[in-house]
C-alpha atoms as a PDB file:
ATOM      1  CA  MET A   1      -0.060   0.079  -0.071  1.00  0.00           C
ATOM      2  CA  ASN A   2       1.204   3.686  -1.015  1.00  0.00           C
ATOM      3  CA  ASP A   3       1.889   6.038   1.827  1.00  0.00           C
ATOM      4  CA  SER A   4      -0.111   9.303   1.442  1.00  0.00           C
ATOM      5  CA  THR A   5       0.642  12.605   2.605  1.00  0.00           C
ATOM      6  CA  ALA A   6      -1.196  15.641   3.987  1.00  0.00           C
ATOM      7  CA  VAL A   7      -0.235  19.162   4.316  1.00  0.00           C
ATOM      8  CA  ILE A   8      -1.315  21.248   7.290  1.00  0.00           C
ATOM      9  CA  GLU A   9      -1.404  25.156   6.697  1.00  0.00           C
ATOM     10  CA  PHE A  10      -0.776  27.526   9.463  1.00  0.00           C
ATOM     11  CA  ALA A  11      -2.474  30.822   9.180  1.00  0.00           C
ATOM     12  CA  MET A  12      -3.307  33.986  11.459  1.00  0.00           C
ATOM     13  CA  ASP A  13      -5.514  36.867  10.409  1.00  0.00           C
ATOM     14  CA  ASN A  14      -5.556  35.660   6.852  1.00  0.00           C
ATOM     15  CA  THR A  15      -1.943  35.590   6.579  1.00  0.00           C
ATOM     16  CA  GLN A  16      -0.113  32.339   5.564  1.00  0.00           C
ATOM     17  CA  LEU A  17       2.633  31.524   8.219  1.00  0.00           C
ATOM     18  CA  GLY A  18       3.875  28.113   6.795  1.00  0.00           C
ATOM     19  CA  SER A  19       2.834  24.463   6.388  1.00  0.00           C
ATOM     20  CA  VAL A  20       3.820  21.067   7.443  1.00  0.00           C
ATOM     21  CA  VAL A  21       3.656  18.027   5.103  1.00  0.00           C
ATOM     22  CA  ILE A  22       2.995  14.769   7.067  1.00  0.00           C
ATOM     23  CA  ARG A  23       3.308  11.446   5.744  1.00  0.00           C
ATOM     24  CA  LEU A  24       0.441   8.976   6.667  1.00  0.00           C
ATOM     25  CA  TYR A  25       1.710   5.449   7.104  1.00  0.00           C
ATOM     26  CA  GLU A  26      -1.224   3.436   5.843  1.00  0.00           C
ATOM     27  CA  GLY A  27       0.443   0.117   6.183  1.00  0.00           C
ATOM     28  CA  GLU A  28       1.448   0.595   9.886  1.00  0.00           C
ATOM     29  CA  ALA A  29      -1.792   2.379  11.037  1.00  0.00           C
ATOM     30  CA  PRO A  30      -4.534   1.665   8.566  1.00  0.00           C
ATOM     31  CA  GLU A  31      -7.763   2.678  10.540  1.00  0.00           C
ATOM     32  CA  THR A  32      -5.836   5.722  11.990  1.00  0.00           C
ATOM     33  CA  VAL A  33      -5.190   7.052   8.739  1.00  0.00           C
ATOM     34  CA  ALA A  34      -8.320   6.175   7.278  1.00  0.00           C
ATOM     35  CA  SER A  35      -9.951   8.145   9.906  1.00  0.00           C
ATOM     36  CA  PHE A  36      -7.482  11.125   9.581  1.00  0.00           C
ATOM     37  CA  ILE A  37      -8.280  11.069   5.739  1.00  0.00           C
ATOM     38  CA  ARG A  38     -12.058  10.982   6.234  1.00  0.00           C
ATOM     39  CA  MET A  39     -11.958  13.941   8.856  1.00  0.00           C
ATOM     40  CA  ALA A  40      -9.638  16.064   6.623  1.00  0.00           C
ATOM     41  CA  LYS A  41     -11.791  15.275   3.551  1.00  0.00           C
ATOM     42  CA  ALA A  42     -15.089  16.176   5.316  1.00  0.00           C
ATOM     43  CA  GLY A  43     -13.312  19.570   6.296  1.00  0.00           C
ATOM     44  CA  LEU A  44     -13.417  18.886  10.042  1.00  0.00           C
ATOM     45  CA  TYR A  45     -10.025  20.251  10.601  1.00  0.00           C
ATOM     46  CA  ASP A  46     -10.387  23.552   8.786  1.00  0.00           C
ATOM     47  CA  GLY A  47     -10.081  26.479  10.539  1.00  0.00           C
ATOM     48  CA  ARG A  48      -8.698  24.718  13.792  1.00  0.00           C
ATOM     49  CA  GLN A  49      -6.925  27.003  16.230  1.00  0.00           C
ATOM     50  CA  ILE A  50      -3.828  25.842  17.824  1.00  0.00           C
ATOM     51  CA  ARG A  51      -5.016  24.883  21.478  1.00  0.00           C
ATOM     52  CA  ARG A  52      -2.012  23.779  22.977  1.00  0.00           C
ATOM     53  CA  ILE A  53       1.669  24.149  22.478  1.00  0.00           C
ATOM     54  CA  VAL A  54       4.173  22.601  25.252  1.00  0.00           C
ATOM     55  CA  PRO A  55       7.812  23.236  23.970  1.00  0.00           C
ATOM     56  CA  ASP A  56       9.556  19.848  23.700  1.00  0.00           C
ATOM     57  CA  PHE A  57       6.141  17.986  24.005  1.00  0.00           C
ATOM     58  CA  VAL A  58       3.303  18.528  21.670  1.00  0.00           C
ATOM     59  CA  LEU A  59       1.389  20.945  19.320  1.00  0.00           C
ATOM     60  CA  GLN A  60      -2.298  20.243  19.368  1.00  0.00           C
ATOM     61  CA  PRO A  61      -5.167  21.740  17.555  1.00  0.00           C
ATOM     62  CA  SER A  62      -8.559  22.928  19.447  1.00  0.00           C
ATOM     63  CA  TYR A  63     -11.357  20.356  19.161  1.00  0.00           C
ATOM     64  CA  THR A  64     -13.716  23.342  20.783  1.00  0.00           C
ATOM     65  CA  HIS A  65     -17.287  23.024  18.969  1.00  0.00           C
ATOM     66  CA  PHE A  66     -15.994  19.805  17.578  1.00  0.00           C
ATOM     67  CA  ASP A  67     -19.404  18.260  18.437  1.00  0.00           C
ATOM     68  CA  ASP A  68     -20.163  17.025  15.001  1.00  0.00           C
ATOM     69  CA  SER A  69     -21.238  13.268  15.386  1.00  0.00           C
ATOM     70  CA  ARG A  70     -18.594  12.363  12.588  1.00  0.00           C
ATOM     71  CA  CYS A  71     -15.949  13.397  15.001  1.00  0.00           C
ATOM     72  CA  ASP A  72     -17.204  10.668  17.747  1.00  0.00           C
ATOM     73  CA  VAL A  73     -14.843   8.115  16.609  1.00  0.00           C
ATOM     74  CA  GLU A  74     -12.847   5.741  18.773  1.00  0.00           C
ATOM     75  CA  LEU A  75     -10.355   3.400  17.363  1.00  0.00           C
ATOM     76  CA  VAL A  76      -8.275   0.456  18.716  1.00  0.00           C
ATOM     77  CA  ALA A  77      -4.682   2.271  19.175  1.00  0.00           C
ATOM     78  CA  GLU A  78      -2.602   0.434  16.467  1.00  0.00           C
ATOM     79  CA  CYS A  79       0.460   0.176  18.668  1.00  0.00           C
ATOM     80  CA  ALA A  80       2.455  -2.692  20.459  1.00  0.00           C
ATOM     81  CA  LEU A  81       0.198  -2.202  23.467  1.00  0.00           C
ATOM     82  CA  ASN A  82      -2.700  -3.879  21.443  1.00  0.00           C
ATOM     83  CA  GLY A  83      -0.435  -6.317  19.483  1.00  0.00           C
ATOM     84  CA  PHE A  84       0.103  -4.161  16.454  1.00  0.00           C
ATOM     85  CA  VAL A  85       3.451  -3.978  14.899  1.00  0.00           C
ATOM     86  CA  ASN A  86       3.979  -0.205  14.013  1.00  0.00           C
ATOM     87  CA  ARG A  87       7.608   0.687  12.873  1.00  0.00           C
ATOM     88  CA  VAL A  88       6.942   4.244  12.820  1.00  0.00           C
ATOM     89  CA  PRO A  89       9.279   5.981  15.642  1.00  0.00           C
ATOM     90  CA  PHE A  90       7.526   8.049  18.163  1.00  0.00           C
ATOM     91  CA  GLU A  91       9.821  10.964  17.630  1.00  0.00           C
ATOM     92  CA  LYS A  92       9.906  14.764  16.944  1.00  0.00           C
ATOM     93  CA  GLY A  93       7.685  15.156  14.168  1.00  0.00           C
ATOM     94  CA  THR A  94       5.461  12.193  14.381  1.00  0.00           C
ATOM     95  CA  VAL A  95       1.660  12.836  14.127  1.00  0.00           C
ATOM     96  CA  ALA A  96      -0.367  10.617  16.478  1.00  0.00           C
ATOM     97  CA  MET A  97      -4.020  10.522  17.598  1.00  0.00           C
ATOM     98  CA  SER A  98      -4.950  11.467  21.423  1.00  0.00           C
ATOM     99  CA  GLY A  99      -6.086   8.536  23.632  1.00  0.00           C
ATOM    100  CA  ASP A 100      -5.052   6.344  26.591  1.00  0.00           C
ATOM    101  CA  GLY A 101      -2.684   4.053  24.764  1.00  0.00           C
ATOM    102  CA  LYS A 102      -5.358   1.233  24.259  1.00  0.00           C
ATOM    103  CA  ILE A 103      -8.129   3.349  22.655  1.00  0.00           C
ATOM    104  CA  ALA A 104      -7.290   6.223  20.351  1.00  0.00           C
ATOM    105  CA  SER A 105      -9.513   9.094  19.285  1.00  0.00           C
ATOM    106  CA  GLY A 106     -10.250   8.650  15.664  1.00  0.00           C
ATOM    107  CA  SER A 107     -10.121  12.763  15.057  1.00  0.00           C
ATOM    108  CA  GLU A 108      -7.897  14.382  17.645  1.00  0.00           C
ATOM    109  CA  PHE A 109      -4.349  14.497  16.524  1.00  0.00           C
ATOM    110  CA  TYR A 110      -1.160  16.024  17.792  1.00  0.00           C
ATOM    111  CA  ILE A 111       2.263  16.652  16.591  1.00  0.00           C
ATOM    112  CA  VAL A 112       5.229  15.327  18.871  1.00  0.00           C
ATOM    113  CA  LEU A 113       7.880  18.254  19.109  1.00  0.00           C
ATOM    114  CA  SER A 114      10.713  16.300  20.947  1.00  0.00           C
ATOM    115  CA  ASP A 115      12.561  13.142  20.610  1.00  0.00           C
ATOM    116  CA  GLU A 116      12.261  12.180  24.179  1.00  0.00           C
END
């Protein structure tokens, strides 16, 4: 299966600040990637403000008013804790879904800002 990419564009007051290209590892986390793509294509990430930036930890968009039923998605986390072989390193630049390690949100993502 080919990996896809997504572009996250950052803007403030209608001024483009830059963008980040992320690779979506469909072979490593197929359900997670499919959910992310569905949300993005439906426009559910459009216009989200950055809710949280913790230096050397995470950057996370806001999910305020994220009450659309299409966002109410839980997935089995596709990680070793649940028996998945996932070779994507959890390091600076990795995009992951929020969750408790066993269950992952199918809509709320964050970007890792540190290798530690």
